[in-house]
Amino acid sequence: MKKNSNIFRWWICLFSIMLIIVPNPLLAQSAINEVGSFEQDMPSYWTKGAEPSGSTLEWAQDEALLLSRSLKITKAATTEAAKWTSENMCDNWAPTRDASSMIRLQAWVKTEGINTIPANDDAKWIIKYSYYDTNDVFIGDVPIELDQSVGTSDWTAVKDSVTLPTVAYKVIIEVIGGKDATGTVWADAFKWPSDWNQTLEL
């Protein structure tokens, strides 16, 4: 009887030590979920630049080219453009963008029920890359217009390139639905100019 009692006490002691050393797995999982951009309501390095009444910006799970999420804008005609706006991608992807060398730009987009044959810039859907120098002075931008010859299309690459006159220390990317643009656009897999960090979830 005494031997069984000692064994029981030994198991109680061992279980108590395990509780101290190994945290509750459910709490650990919860902490992981709160940190990772997979589980957050906003993507890493992006903010809602403008979400006027009549538009909705989503860190969407219904469509994605890579992994499981994409930037999504759904809108009717609004008083101003709706847009997703990145942080300074030079802080996240590379220290600078060199001058005098061609930079290839690319993003992937999917459309559903967007307006076709836009009459002016306010009716266009655009991916825009903007560049600034070391003093935060605007160097220039590259607006890449989405194909609006049809209202609905599967994932398609939109591309352009730029040669900067001076070194850029700041690069801002925007996904823009002009104030008169309508429908839904998803955007994913941004490239500038190499393949690193193009997924929105890392």
N, C-alpha and C. Protein backbone atom coordinates (compact mmCIF):
# COMPACT_ATOMS: atom_id res chain seq x y z
N MET A 1 0.83 -1.20 0.00
CA MET A 1 0.00 0.00 0.00
C MET A 1 0.86 1.25 0.00
N LYS A 2 1.94 1.19 0.86
CA LYS A 2 2.84 2.34 0.92
C LYS A 2 3.53 2.56 -0.41
N LYS A 3 3.90 1.43 -1.08
CA LYS A 3 4.56 1.54 -2.39
C LYS A 3 3.65 2.21 -3.40
N ASN A 4 2.36 1.84 -3.44
CA ASN A 4 1.41 2.46 -4.37
C ASN A 4 1.23 3.94 -4.08
N SER A 5 1.23 4.28 -2.78
CA SER A 5 1.09 5.68 -2.39
C SER A 5 2.27 6.50 -2.86
N ASN A 6 3.45 5.94 -2.77
CA ASN A 6 4.65 6.65 -3.23
C ASN A 6 4.62 6.85 -4.74
N ILE A 7 4.17 5.83 -5.46
CA ILE A 7 4.07 5.94 -6.93
C ILE A 7 3.07 7.03 -7.30
N PHE A 8 1.94 7.05 -6.58
CA PHE A 8 0.93 8.07 -6.85
C PHE A 8 1.49 9.48 -6.64
N ARG A 9 2.21 9.66 -5.51
CA ARG A 9 2.80 10.97 -5.23
C ARG A 9 3.83 11.34 -6.29
N TRP A 10 4.58 10.35 -6.77
CA TRP A 10 5.60 10.60 -7.81
C TRP A 10 4.94 11.10 -9.09
N TRP A 11 3.81 10.47 -9.48
CA TRP A 11 3.10 10.90 -10.69
C TRP A 11 2.51 12.31 -10.54
N ILE A 12 1.99 12.64 -9.36
CA ILE A 12 1.46 13.98 -9.11
C ILE A 12 2.56 15.02 -9.24
N CYS A 13 3.73 14.70 -8.68
CA CYS A 13 4.87 15.61 -8.76
C CYS A 13 5.31 15.82 -10.20
N LEU A 14 5.40 14.72 -10.96
CA LEU A 14 5.81 14.80 -12.37
C LEU A 14 4.82 15.62 -13.18
N PHE A 15 3.52 15.43 -12.96
CA PHE A 15 2.49 16.18 -13.68
C PHE A 15 2.58 17.67 -13.38
N SER A 16 2.85 18.03 -12.12
CA SER A 16 2.99 19.43 -11.73
C SER A 16 4.16 20.09 -12.43
N ILE A 17 5.28 19.35 -12.52
CA ILE A 17 6.47 19.88 -13.21
C ILE A 17 6.17 20.12 -14.69
N MET A 18 5.45 19.17 -15.31
CA MET A 18 5.11 19.30 -16.73
C MET A 18 4.23 20.53 -16.98
N LEU A 19 3.33 20.83 -16.06
CA LEU A 19 2.47 22.01 -16.21
C LEU A 19 3.28 23.29 -16.19
N ILE A 20 4.37 23.28 -15.40
CA ILE A 20 5.22 24.47 -15.31
C ILE A 20 6.07 24.62 -16.56
N ILE A 21 6.64 23.51 -17.03
CA ILE A 21 7.57 23.55 -18.16
C ILE A 21 6.84 23.75 -19.48
N VAL A 22 5.75 23.02 -19.67
CA VAL A 22 5.03 23.05 -20.95
C VAL A 22 3.77 23.88 -20.79
N PRO A 23 3.66 25.04 -21.47
CA PRO A 23 2.47 25.86 -21.35
C PRO A 23 1.25 25.17 -21.95
N ASN A 24 0.08 25.63 -21.56
CA ASN A 24 -1.18 25.12 -22.09
C ASN A 24 -1.16 25.21 -23.61
N PRO A 25 -1.27 24.08 -24.33
CA PRO A 25 -1.20 24.13 -25.79
C PRO A 25 -2.29 24.98 -26.41
N LEU A 26 -3.45 25.08 -25.79
CA LEU A 26 -4.51 25.91 -26.33
C LEU A 26 -4.15 27.38 -26.25
N LEU A 27 -3.50 27.77 -25.11
CA LEU A 27 -3.06 29.16 -24.97
C LEU A 27 -1.94 29.46 -25.94
N ALA A 28 -1.02 28.50 -26.13
CA ALA A 28 0.07 28.69 -27.07
C ALA A 28 -0.46 28.89 -28.47
N GLN A 29 -1.44 28.08 -28.88
CA GLN A 29 -2.03 28.22 -30.21
C GLN A 29 -2.70 29.56 -30.37
N SER A 30 -3.38 30.01 -29.31
CA SER A 30 -4.04 31.31 -29.35
C SER A 30 -3.04 32.41 -29.58
N ALA A 31 -1.86 32.34 -28.91
CA ALA A 31 -0.84 33.36 -29.07
C ALA A 31 -0.31 33.37 -30.50
N ILE A 32 -0.11 32.18 -31.09
CA ILE A 32 0.34 32.10 -32.47
C ILE A 32 -0.68 32.75 -33.40
N ASN A 33 -1.94 32.47 -33.20
CA ASN A 33 -2.98 33.01 -34.07
C ASN A 33 -3.02 34.54 -34.02
N GLU A 34 -2.76 35.10 -32.84
CA GLU A 34 -2.84 36.55 -32.71
C GLU A 34 -1.66 37.23 -33.39
N VAL A 35 -0.52 36.53 -33.49
CA VAL A 35 0.67 37.13 -34.07
C VAL A 35 0.68 37.04 -35.59
N GLY A 36 0.33 35.88 -36.13
CA GLY A 36 0.48 35.65 -37.56
C GLY A 36 -0.52 36.42 -38.41
N SER A 37 -0.07 36.92 -39.56
CA SER A 37 -0.97 37.67 -40.43
C SER A 37 -2.04 36.79 -41.05
N PHE A 38 -1.85 35.44 -41.02
CA PHE A 38 -2.90 34.55 -41.50
C PHE A 38 -4.20 34.77 -40.73
N GLU A 39 -4.07 35.10 -39.44
CA GLU A 39 -5.24 35.17 -38.58
C GLU A 39 -5.71 36.59 -38.31
N GLN A 40 -4.93 37.58 -38.67
CA GLN A 40 -5.29 38.95 -38.37
C GLN A 40 -6.31 39.47 -39.38
N ASP A 41 -6.96 40.61 -39.05
CA ASP A 41 -7.93 41.22 -39.94
C ASP A 41 -7.27 42.11 -40.97
N MET A 42 -5.98 42.40 -40.80
CA MET A 42 -5.25 43.26 -41.73
C MET A 42 -3.97 42.57 -42.18
N PRO A 43 -3.56 42.77 -43.44
CA PRO A 43 -2.32 42.16 -43.92
C PRO A 43 -1.10 42.88 -43.37
N SER A 44 0.02 42.17 -43.31
CA SER A 44 1.28 42.80 -42.93
C SER A 44 1.67 43.85 -43.96
N TYR A 45 2.12 45.01 -43.48
CA TYR A 45 2.68 46.08 -44.31
C TYR A 45 1.65 46.85 -45.14
N TRP A 46 0.36 46.63 -44.91
CA TRP A 46 -0.67 47.33 -45.68
C TRP A 46 -1.69 47.96 -44.74
N THR A 47 -2.28 49.08 -45.19
CA THR A 47 -3.34 49.74 -44.44
C THR A 47 -4.47 50.12 -45.40
N LYS A 48 -5.63 50.42 -44.83
CA LYS A 48 -6.73 50.94 -45.63
C LYS A 48 -6.47 52.42 -45.89
N GLY A 49 -5.98 52.72 -47.09
CA GLY A 49 -5.66 54.11 -47.42
C GLY A 49 -6.89 54.98 -47.51
N ALA A 50 -7.99 54.44 -48.03
CA ALA A 50 -9.27 55.15 -48.10
C ALA A 50 -10.37 54.14 -48.31
N GLU A 51 -11.41 54.24 -47.52
CA GLU A 51 -12.57 53.35 -47.63
C GLU A 51 -13.85 54.20 -47.55
N PRO A 52 -14.14 54.96 -48.60
CA PRO A 52 -15.32 55.83 -48.56
C PRO A 52 -16.62 55.04 -48.52
N SER A 53 -17.68 55.69 -48.09
CA SER A 53 -19.00 55.06 -48.06
C SER A 53 -19.35 54.54 -49.44
N GLY A 54 -19.83 53.30 -49.49
CA GLY A 54 -20.13 52.67 -50.77
C GLY A 54 -19.04 51.72 -51.23
N SER A 55 -17.95 51.64 -50.44
CA SER A 55 -16.85 50.73 -50.76
C SER A 55 -16.52 49.86 -49.54
N THR A 56 -15.95 48.69 -49.79
CA THR A 56 -15.52 47.80 -48.73
C THR A 56 -14.14 47.26 -49.06
N LEU A 57 -13.20 47.41 -48.14
CA LEU A 57 -11.86 46.85 -48.28
C LEU A 57 -11.74 45.66 -47.35
N GLU A 58 -11.26 44.53 -47.91
CA GLU A 58 -11.16 43.31 -47.12
C GLU A 58 -9.80 42.64 -47.29
N TRP A 59 -9.31 42.04 -46.19
CA TRP A 59 -8.17 41.13 -46.22
C TRP A 59 -8.81 39.78 -46.47
N ALA A 60 -9.06 39.50 -47.75
CA ALA A 60 -10.05 38.50 -48.15
C ALA A 60 -9.51 37.08 -48.15
N GLN A 61 -10.41 36.14 -47.84
CA GLN A 61 -10.09 34.72 -47.89
C GLN A 61 -10.84 33.99 -49.00
N ASP A 62 -11.71 34.69 -49.71
CA ASP A 62 -12.50 34.01 -50.74
C ASP A 62 -11.72 33.78 -52.03
N GLU A 63 -10.69 34.59 -52.29
CA GLU A 63 -9.87 34.43 -53.48
C GLU A 63 -8.42 34.76 -53.14
N ALA A 64 -7.47 34.02 -53.74
CA ALA A 64 -6.05 34.32 -53.58
C ALA A 64 -5.27 33.60 -54.67
N LEU A 65 -4.21 34.23 -55.16
CA LEU A 65 -3.34 33.57 -56.12
C LEU A 65 -2.32 32.70 -55.39
N LEU A 66 -1.72 33.25 -54.33
CA LEU A 66 -0.75 32.53 -53.51
C LEU A 66 -1.30 32.37 -52.10
N LEU A 67 -1.09 31.22 -51.52
CA LEU A 67 -1.56 30.94 -50.16
C LEU A 67 -3.06 31.17 -50.05
N SER A 68 -3.53 31.93 -49.03
CA SER A 68 -4.97 31.91 -48.75
C SER A 68 -5.64 33.28 -48.68
N ARG A 69 -4.89 34.37 -48.87
CA ARG A 69 -5.49 35.70 -48.70
C ARG A 69 -5.08 36.64 -49.83
N SER A 70 -5.88 37.69 -50.03
CA SER A 70 -5.56 38.73 -51.01
C SER A 70 -6.18 40.04 -50.56
N LEU A 71 -5.72 41.13 -51.16
CA LEU A 71 -6.35 42.43 -50.94
C LEU A 71 -7.58 42.52 -51.83
N LYS A 72 -8.69 42.99 -51.28
CA LYS A 72 -9.95 43.02 -52.03
C LYS A 72 -10.62 44.38 -51.86
N ILE A 73 -11.12 44.93 -52.97
CA ILE A 73 -11.94 46.14 -52.94
C ILE A 73 -13.24 45.86 -53.67
N THR A 74 -14.35 46.12 -53.03
CA THR A 74 -15.66 46.05 -53.65
C THR A 74 -16.29 47.43 -53.53
N LYS A 75 -16.78 47.97 -54.64
CA LYS A 75 -17.30 49.34 -54.55
C LYS A 75 -18.34 49.67 -55.60
N ALA A 76 -19.19 50.63 -55.22
CA ALA A 76 -20.07 51.33 -56.15
C ALA A 76 -19.40 52.69 -56.44
N ALA A 77 -20.08 53.57 -57.16
CA ALA A 77 -19.56 54.92 -57.34
C ALA A 77 -19.50 55.60 -55.97
N THR A 78 -18.38 56.27 -55.69
CA THR A 78 -18.15 56.88 -54.38
C THR A 78 -17.68 58.32 -54.54
N THR A 79 -17.57 59.03 -53.43
CA THR A 79 -17.17 60.44 -53.48
C THR A 79 -15.67 60.62 -53.68
N GLU A 80 -14.90 59.56 -53.39
CA GLU A 80 -13.45 59.58 -53.60
C GLU A 80 -12.99 58.17 -53.91
N ALA A 81 -11.74 58.04 -54.33
CA ALA A 81 -11.19 56.73 -54.66
C ALA A 81 -11.07 55.87 -53.40
N ALA A 82 -11.25 54.57 -53.56
CA ALA A 82 -10.99 53.60 -52.50
C ALA A 82 -9.62 52.99 -52.76
N LYS A 83 -8.85 52.76 -51.70
CA LYS A 83 -7.51 52.25 -51.96
C LYS A 83 -6.91 51.51 -50.77
N TRP A 84 -6.18 50.45 -51.09
CA TRP A 84 -5.25 49.83 -50.16
C TRP A 84 -3.90 50.53 -50.35
N THR A 85 -3.19 50.83 -49.27
CA THR A 85 -1.91 51.53 -49.35
C THR A 85 -0.86 50.78 -48.53
N SER A 86 0.28 50.53 -49.13
CA SER A 86 1.35 49.81 -48.43
C SER A 86 2.14 50.75 -47.53
N GLU A 87 2.89 50.16 -46.62
CA GLU A 87 3.93 50.91 -45.91
C GLU A 87 5.09 51.11 -46.89
N ASN A 88 6.17 51.73 -46.41
CA ASN A 88 7.35 51.89 -47.24
C ASN A 88 7.98 50.52 -47.47
N MET A 89 7.87 50.03 -48.70
CA MET A 89 8.37 48.70 -48.99
C MET A 89 9.90 48.62 -49.00
N CYS A 90 10.58 49.76 -49.05
CA CYS A 90 12.04 49.74 -48.90
C CYS A 90 12.42 49.32 -47.48
N ASP A 91 11.57 49.61 -46.51
CA ASP A 91 11.82 49.18 -45.13
C ASP A 91 11.67 47.68 -44.99
N ASN A 92 10.83 47.09 -45.82
CA ASN A 92 10.48 45.68 -45.67
C ASN A 92 11.19 44.76 -46.65
N TRP A 93 11.49 45.25 -47.85
CA TRP A 93 11.99 44.37 -48.90
C TRP A 93 13.44 44.63 -49.29
N ALA A 94 13.87 45.89 -49.32
CA ALA A 94 15.24 46.22 -49.72
C ALA A 94 15.53 47.65 -49.26
N PRO A 95 16.77 47.98 -48.95
CA PRO A 95 17.07 49.32 -48.43
C PRO A 95 16.77 50.44 -49.41
N THR A 96 17.04 50.23 -50.70
CA THR A 96 16.83 51.28 -51.71
C THR A 96 16.41 50.65 -53.03
N ARG A 97 15.99 51.53 -53.94
CA ARG A 97 15.78 51.14 -55.34
C ARG A 97 16.76 51.96 -56.16
N ASP A 98 17.64 51.28 -56.89
CA ASP A 98 18.74 51.95 -57.58
C ASP A 98 18.28 52.80 -58.76
N ALA A 99 19.05 53.82 -59.03
CA ALA A 99 18.82 54.66 -60.21
C ALA A 99 19.46 54.03 -61.43
N SER A 100 18.98 54.42 -62.60
CA SER A 100 19.56 54.07 -63.91
C SER A 100 19.48 52.60 -64.27
N SER A 101 18.76 51.79 -63.49
CA SER A 101 18.55 50.40 -63.89
C SER A 101 17.05 50.14 -63.97
N MET A 102 16.65 49.36 -64.94
CA MET A 102 15.24 49.12 -65.15
C MET A 102 14.67 48.22 -64.04
N ILE A 103 13.57 48.66 -63.46
CA ILE A 103 12.89 47.90 -62.42
C ILE A 103 11.60 47.35 -63.00
N ARG A 104 11.46 46.05 -62.98
CA ARG A 104 10.24 45.42 -63.51
C ARG A 104 9.21 45.32 -62.39
N LEU A 105 8.00 45.77 -62.69
CA LEU A 105 6.92 45.80 -61.72
C LEU A 105 5.82 44.83 -62.15
N GLN A 106 5.18 44.23 -61.16
CA GLN A 106 4.11 43.28 -61.50
C GLN A 106 3.21 43.04 -60.30
N ALA A 107 1.94 42.81 -60.56
CA ALA A 107 0.99 42.33 -59.56
C ALA A 107 0.01 41.42 -60.28
N TRP A 108 -0.69 40.61 -59.52
CA TRP A 108 -1.73 39.74 -60.08
C TRP A 108 -3.08 40.21 -59.59
N VAL A 109 -4.05 40.28 -60.49
CA VAL A 109 -5.38 40.76 -60.12
C VAL A 109 -6.46 39.84 -60.68
N LYS A 110 -7.58 39.83 -60.00
CA LYS A 110 -8.79 39.14 -60.48
C LYS A 110 -9.94 40.13 -60.37
N THR A 111 -10.83 40.13 -61.35
CA THR A 111 -11.94 41.09 -61.36
C THR A 111 -13.28 40.39 -61.46
N GLU A 112 -14.29 41.06 -60.93
CA GLU A 112 -15.66 40.54 -61.04
C GLU A 112 -16.63 41.71 -61.15
N GLY A 113 -17.30 41.80 -62.28
CA GLY A 113 -18.33 42.82 -62.49
C GLY A 113 -17.83 44.25 -62.45
N ILE A 114 -16.57 44.48 -62.86
CA ILE A 114 -16.08 45.86 -62.86
C ILE A 114 -16.61 46.62 -64.08
N ASN A 115 -16.60 47.94 -63.96
CA ASN A 115 -17.04 48.78 -65.08
C ASN A 115 -16.06 48.66 -66.24
N THR A 116 -16.55 48.71 -67.44
CA THR A 116 -15.71 48.54 -68.63
C THR A 116 -15.57 49.85 -69.40
N ILE A 117 -14.52 49.91 -70.22
CA ILE A 117 -14.22 51.06 -71.08
C ILE A 117 -14.35 52.37 -70.28
N PRO A 118 -13.46 52.58 -69.29
CA PRO A 118 -13.55 53.79 -68.46
C PRO A 118 -13.36 55.06 -69.29
N ALA A 119 -14.19 56.06 -69.02
CA ALA A 119 -14.14 57.31 -69.78
C ALA A 119 -13.04 58.24 -69.29
N ASN A 120 -12.61 58.08 -68.03
CA ASN A 120 -11.58 58.96 -67.48
C ASN A 120 -10.86 58.24 -66.34
N ASP A 121 -9.87 58.90 -65.74
CA ASP A 121 -9.08 58.28 -64.68
C ASP A 121 -9.92 57.92 -63.46
N ASP A 122 -10.97 58.69 -63.19
CA ASP A 122 -11.82 58.42 -62.03
C ASP A 122 -12.56 57.09 -62.15
N ALA A 123 -12.69 56.58 -63.36
CA ALA A 123 -13.41 55.33 -63.58
C ALA A 123 -12.48 54.13 -63.71
N LYS A 124 -11.17 54.34 -63.49
CA LYS A 124 -10.19 53.28 -63.69
C LYS A 124 -9.82 52.55 -62.40
N TRP A 125 -9.44 51.28 -62.57
CA TRP A 125 -8.82 50.48 -61.53
C TRP A 125 -7.32 50.46 -61.80
N ILE A 126 -6.50 50.73 -60.77
CA ILE A 126 -5.07 50.95 -60.98
C ILE A 126 -4.26 50.31 -59.85
N ILE A 127 -3.09 49.76 -60.19
CA ILE A 127 -2.04 49.44 -59.23
C ILE A 127 -0.96 50.50 -59.42
N LYS A 128 -0.60 51.22 -58.37
CA LYS A 128 0.36 52.33 -58.53
C LYS A 128 1.56 52.17 -57.60
N TYR A 129 2.76 52.32 -58.18
CA TYR A 129 4.01 52.33 -57.43
C TYR A 129 4.52 53.77 -57.41
N SER A 130 4.75 54.33 -56.21
CA SER A 130 5.25 55.71 -56.08
C SER A 130 6.61 55.70 -55.39
N TYR A 131 7.52 56.58 -55.86
CA TYR A 131 8.91 56.58 -55.40
C TYR A 131 9.29 57.93 -54.79
N TYR A 132 10.11 57.87 -53.71
CA TYR A 132 10.55 59.07 -53.00
C TYR A 132 12.03 58.95 -52.69
N ASP A 133 12.74 60.11 -52.63
CA ASP A 133 14.17 60.08 -52.37
C ASP A 133 14.46 60.08 -50.87
N THR A 134 15.74 60.24 -50.51
CA THR A 134 16.14 60.15 -49.11
C THR A 134 15.55 61.25 -48.24
N ASN A 135 15.14 62.37 -48.86
CA ASN A 135 14.50 63.47 -48.13
C ASN A 135 12.98 63.40 -48.20
N ASP A 136 12.45 62.26 -48.65
CA ASP A 136 11.01 62.05 -48.79
C ASP A 136 10.39 62.95 -49.86
N VAL A 137 11.21 63.38 -50.81
CA VAL A 137 10.72 64.18 -51.94
C VAL A 137 10.25 63.22 -53.04
N PHE A 138 9.08 63.48 -53.57
CA PHE A 138 8.48 62.63 -54.59
C PHE A 138 9.33 62.60 -55.85
N ILE A 139 9.68 61.40 -56.32
CA ILE A 139 10.45 61.23 -57.55
C ILE A 139 9.51 61.02 -58.74
N GLY A 140 8.53 60.17 -58.58
CA GLY A 140 7.59 59.88 -59.65
C GLY A 140 6.81 58.62 -59.32
N ASP A 141 5.83 58.29 -60.17
CA ASP A 141 5.04 57.08 -59.93
C ASP A 141 4.80 56.34 -61.24
N VAL A 142 4.39 55.09 -61.09
CA VAL A 142 4.06 54.24 -62.24
C VAL A 142 2.66 53.68 -62.00
N PRO A 143 1.63 54.28 -62.62
CA PRO A 143 0.28 53.71 -62.52
C PRO A 143 0.09 52.60 -63.55
N ILE A 144 -0.27 51.41 -63.10
CA ILE A 144 -0.50 50.28 -64.00
C ILE A 144 -2.00 50.05 -64.07
N GLU A 145 -2.59 50.33 -65.22
CA GLU A 145 -4.04 50.22 -65.37
C GLU A 145 -4.46 48.77 -65.57
N LEU A 146 -5.50 48.36 -64.86
CA LEU A 146 -6.05 47.02 -65.05
C LEU A 146 -6.82 46.96 -66.36
N ASP A 147 -6.88 45.79 -66.95
CA ASP A 147 -7.66 45.59 -68.17
C ASP A 147 -9.15 45.72 -67.85
N GLN A 148 -9.79 46.73 -68.42
CA GLN A 148 -11.23 46.93 -68.21
C GLN A 148 -12.01 46.77 -69.51
N SER A 149 -11.45 45.94 -70.41
CA SER A 149 -12.18 45.65 -71.65
C SER A 149 -13.31 44.65 -71.38
N VAL A 150 -13.16 43.87 -70.30
CA VAL A 150 -14.21 42.95 -69.87
C VAL A 150 -14.47 43.15 -68.39
N GLY A 151 -15.66 42.80 -67.93
CA GLY A 151 -16.01 43.05 -66.54
C GLY A 151 -15.50 42.02 -65.56
N THR A 152 -15.30 40.77 -66.02
CA THR A 152 -14.89 39.69 -65.13
C THR A 152 -13.73 38.92 -65.76
N SER A 153 -12.68 38.70 -64.98
CA SER A 153 -11.52 37.95 -65.48
C SER A 153 -10.88 37.18 -64.35
N ASP A 154 -10.25 36.06 -64.70
CA ASP A 154 -9.52 35.26 -63.71
C ASP A 154 -8.19 35.95 -63.42
N TRP A 155 -7.39 35.34 -62.54
CA TRP A 155 -6.12 35.95 -62.15
C TRP A 155 -5.24 36.24 -63.37
N THR A 156 -4.82 37.50 -63.47
CA THR A 156 -4.03 37.98 -64.61
C THR A 156 -2.91 38.87 -64.10
N ALA A 157 -1.73 38.74 -64.68
CA ALA A 157 -0.61 39.60 -64.31
C ALA A 157 -0.73 40.96 -64.99
N VAL A 158 -0.53 42.02 -64.21
CA VAL A 158 -0.43 43.36 -64.78
C VAL A 158 1.01 43.82 -64.57
N LYS A 159 1.63 44.35 -65.63
CA LYS A 159 3.07 44.60 -65.61
C LYS A 159 3.42 45.98 -66.15
N ASP A 160 4.58 46.47 -65.71
CA ASP A 160 5.19 47.67 -66.27
C ASP A 160 6.64 47.69 -65.79
N SER A 161 7.36 48.74 -66.12
CA SER A 161 8.73 48.87 -65.66
C SER A 161 9.06 50.35 -65.51
N VAL A 162 10.14 50.64 -64.79
CA VAL A 162 10.54 52.02 -64.57
C VAL A 162 12.05 52.08 -64.42
N THR A 163 12.64 53.18 -64.89
CA THR A 163 14.04 53.49 -64.64
C THR A 163 14.08 54.79 -63.87
N LEU A 164 14.57 54.75 -62.65
CA LEU A 164 14.53 55.92 -61.79
C LEU A 164 15.68 56.88 -62.09
N PRO A 165 15.43 58.19 -62.03
CA PRO A 165 16.50 59.17 -62.26
C PRO A 165 17.42 59.32 -61.05
N THR A 166 16.94 58.91 -59.88
CA THR A 166 17.73 58.99 -58.65
C THR A 166 17.34 57.84 -57.75
N VAL A 167 18.16 57.56 -56.76
CA VAL A 167 17.91 56.44 -55.87
C VAL A 167 16.66 56.69 -55.03
N ALA A 168 15.81 55.69 -54.93
CA ALA A 168 14.59 55.79 -54.11
C ALA A 168 14.82 55.09 -52.77
N TYR A 169 14.44 55.80 -51.70
CA TYR A 169 14.52 55.25 -50.36
C TYR A 169 13.14 54.90 -49.81
N LYS A 170 12.12 55.20 -50.60
CA LYS A 170 10.76 54.92 -50.17
C LYS A 170 9.93 54.52 -51.38
N VAL A 171 9.22 53.40 -51.26
CA VAL A 171 8.32 52.92 -52.32
C VAL A 171 6.97 52.60 -51.69
N ILE A 172 5.93 53.24 -52.21
CA ILE A 172 4.57 53.00 -51.73
C ILE A 172 3.77 52.36 -52.86
N ILE A 173 3.09 51.26 -52.57
CA ILE A 173 2.24 50.60 -53.55
C ILE A 173 0.78 50.83 -53.16
N GLU A 174 -0.07 51.11 -54.15
CA GLU A 174 -1.49 51.30 -53.89
C GLU A 174 -2.32 50.47 -54.86
N VAL A 175 -3.40 49.92 -54.35
CA VAL A 175 -4.43 49.29 -55.17
C VAL A 175 -5.62 50.23 -55.13
N ILE A 176 -5.98 50.80 -56.29
CA ILE A 176 -6.92 51.92 -56.31
C ILE A 176 -8.14 51.62 -57.18
N GLY A 177 -9.31 51.87 -56.62
CA GLY A 177 -10.54 51.91 -57.39
C GLY A 177 -10.98 53.36 -57.46
N GLY A 178 -10.88 53.98 -58.64
CA GLY A 178 -11.28 55.39 -58.78
C GLY A 178 -12.70 55.63 -58.28
N LYS A 179 -13.03 56.88 -58.01
CA LYS A 179 -14.33 57.17 -57.40
C LYS A 179 -15.51 56.70 -58.24
N ASP A 180 -15.34 56.65 -59.56
CA ASP A 180 -16.41 56.19 -60.43
C ASP A 180 -16.24 54.74 -60.87
N ALA A 181 -15.18 54.09 -60.39
CA ALA A 181 -14.97 52.67 -60.71
C ALA A 181 -15.92 51.82 -59.85
N THR A 182 -16.40 50.75 -60.42
CA THR A 182 -17.34 49.88 -59.70
C THR A 182 -16.96 48.41 -59.89
N GLY A 183 -17.51 47.56 -59.02
CA GLY A 183 -17.26 46.13 -59.11
C GLY A 183 -16.31 45.67 -58.01
N THR A 184 -15.66 44.52 -58.24
CA THR A 184 -14.78 43.92 -57.24
C THR A 184 -13.44 43.56 -57.87
N VAL A 185 -12.37 43.90 -57.15
CA VAL A 185 -11.01 43.56 -57.58
C VAL A 185 -10.26 42.93 -56.42
N TRP A 186 -9.58 41.81 -56.71
CA TRP A 186 -8.66 41.19 -55.78
C TRP A 186 -7.24 41.41 -56.30
N ALA A 187 -6.27 41.64 -55.42
CA ALA A 187 -4.87 41.83 -55.83
C ALA A 187 -3.96 40.99 -54.94
N ASP A 188 -2.91 40.42 -55.55
CA ASP A 188 -2.02 39.53 -54.82
C ASP A 188 -0.67 39.50 -55.54
N ALA A 189 0.34 38.93 -54.88
CA ALA A 189 1.64 38.61 -55.50
C ALA A 189 2.30 39.82 -56.15
N PHE A 190 2.60 40.82 -55.34
CA PHE A 190 3.27 42.01 -55.86
C PHE A 190 4.76 41.71 -56.05
N LYS A 191 5.33 42.25 -57.12
CA LYS A 191 6.71 41.95 -57.50
C LYS A 191 7.43 43.27 -57.80
N TRP A 192 8.65 43.41 -57.19
CA TRP A 192 9.36 44.69 -57.44
C TRP A 192 10.84 44.63 -57.09
N PRO A 193 11.76 44.27 -57.84
CA PRO A 193 11.59 43.68 -59.15
C PRO A 193 11.80 42.17 -59.13
N SER A 194 12.20 41.62 -57.99
CA SER A 194 12.48 40.18 -57.94
C SER A 194 11.27 39.44 -57.38
N ASP A 195 11.43 38.18 -57.12
CA ASP A 195 10.33 37.37 -56.62
C ASP A 195 10.22 37.36 -55.10
N TRP A 196 11.17 37.99 -54.39
CA TRP A 196 11.09 37.86 -52.95
C TRP A 196 9.92 38.64 -52.37
N ASN A 197 9.35 38.03 -51.34
CA ASN A 197 8.27 38.65 -50.54
C ASN A 197 7.04 39.02 -51.35
N GLN A 198 6.76 38.31 -52.42
CA GLN A 198 5.59 38.71 -53.19
C GLN A 198 4.29 38.22 -52.58
N THR A 199 4.32 37.17 -51.74
CA THR A 199 3.11 36.79 -51.08
C THR A 199 2.77 37.76 -49.97
N LEU A 200 1.49 38.08 -49.80
CA LEU A 200 1.05 39.06 -48.82
C LEU A 200 1.07 38.51 -47.41
N GLU A 201 1.24 37.22 -47.25
CA GLU A 201 1.09 36.59 -45.94
C GLU A 201 2.40 36.29 -45.24
N LEU A 202 3.52 36.79 -45.77
CA LEU A 202 4.82 36.59 -45.15
C LEU A 202 5.50 37.92 -44.96
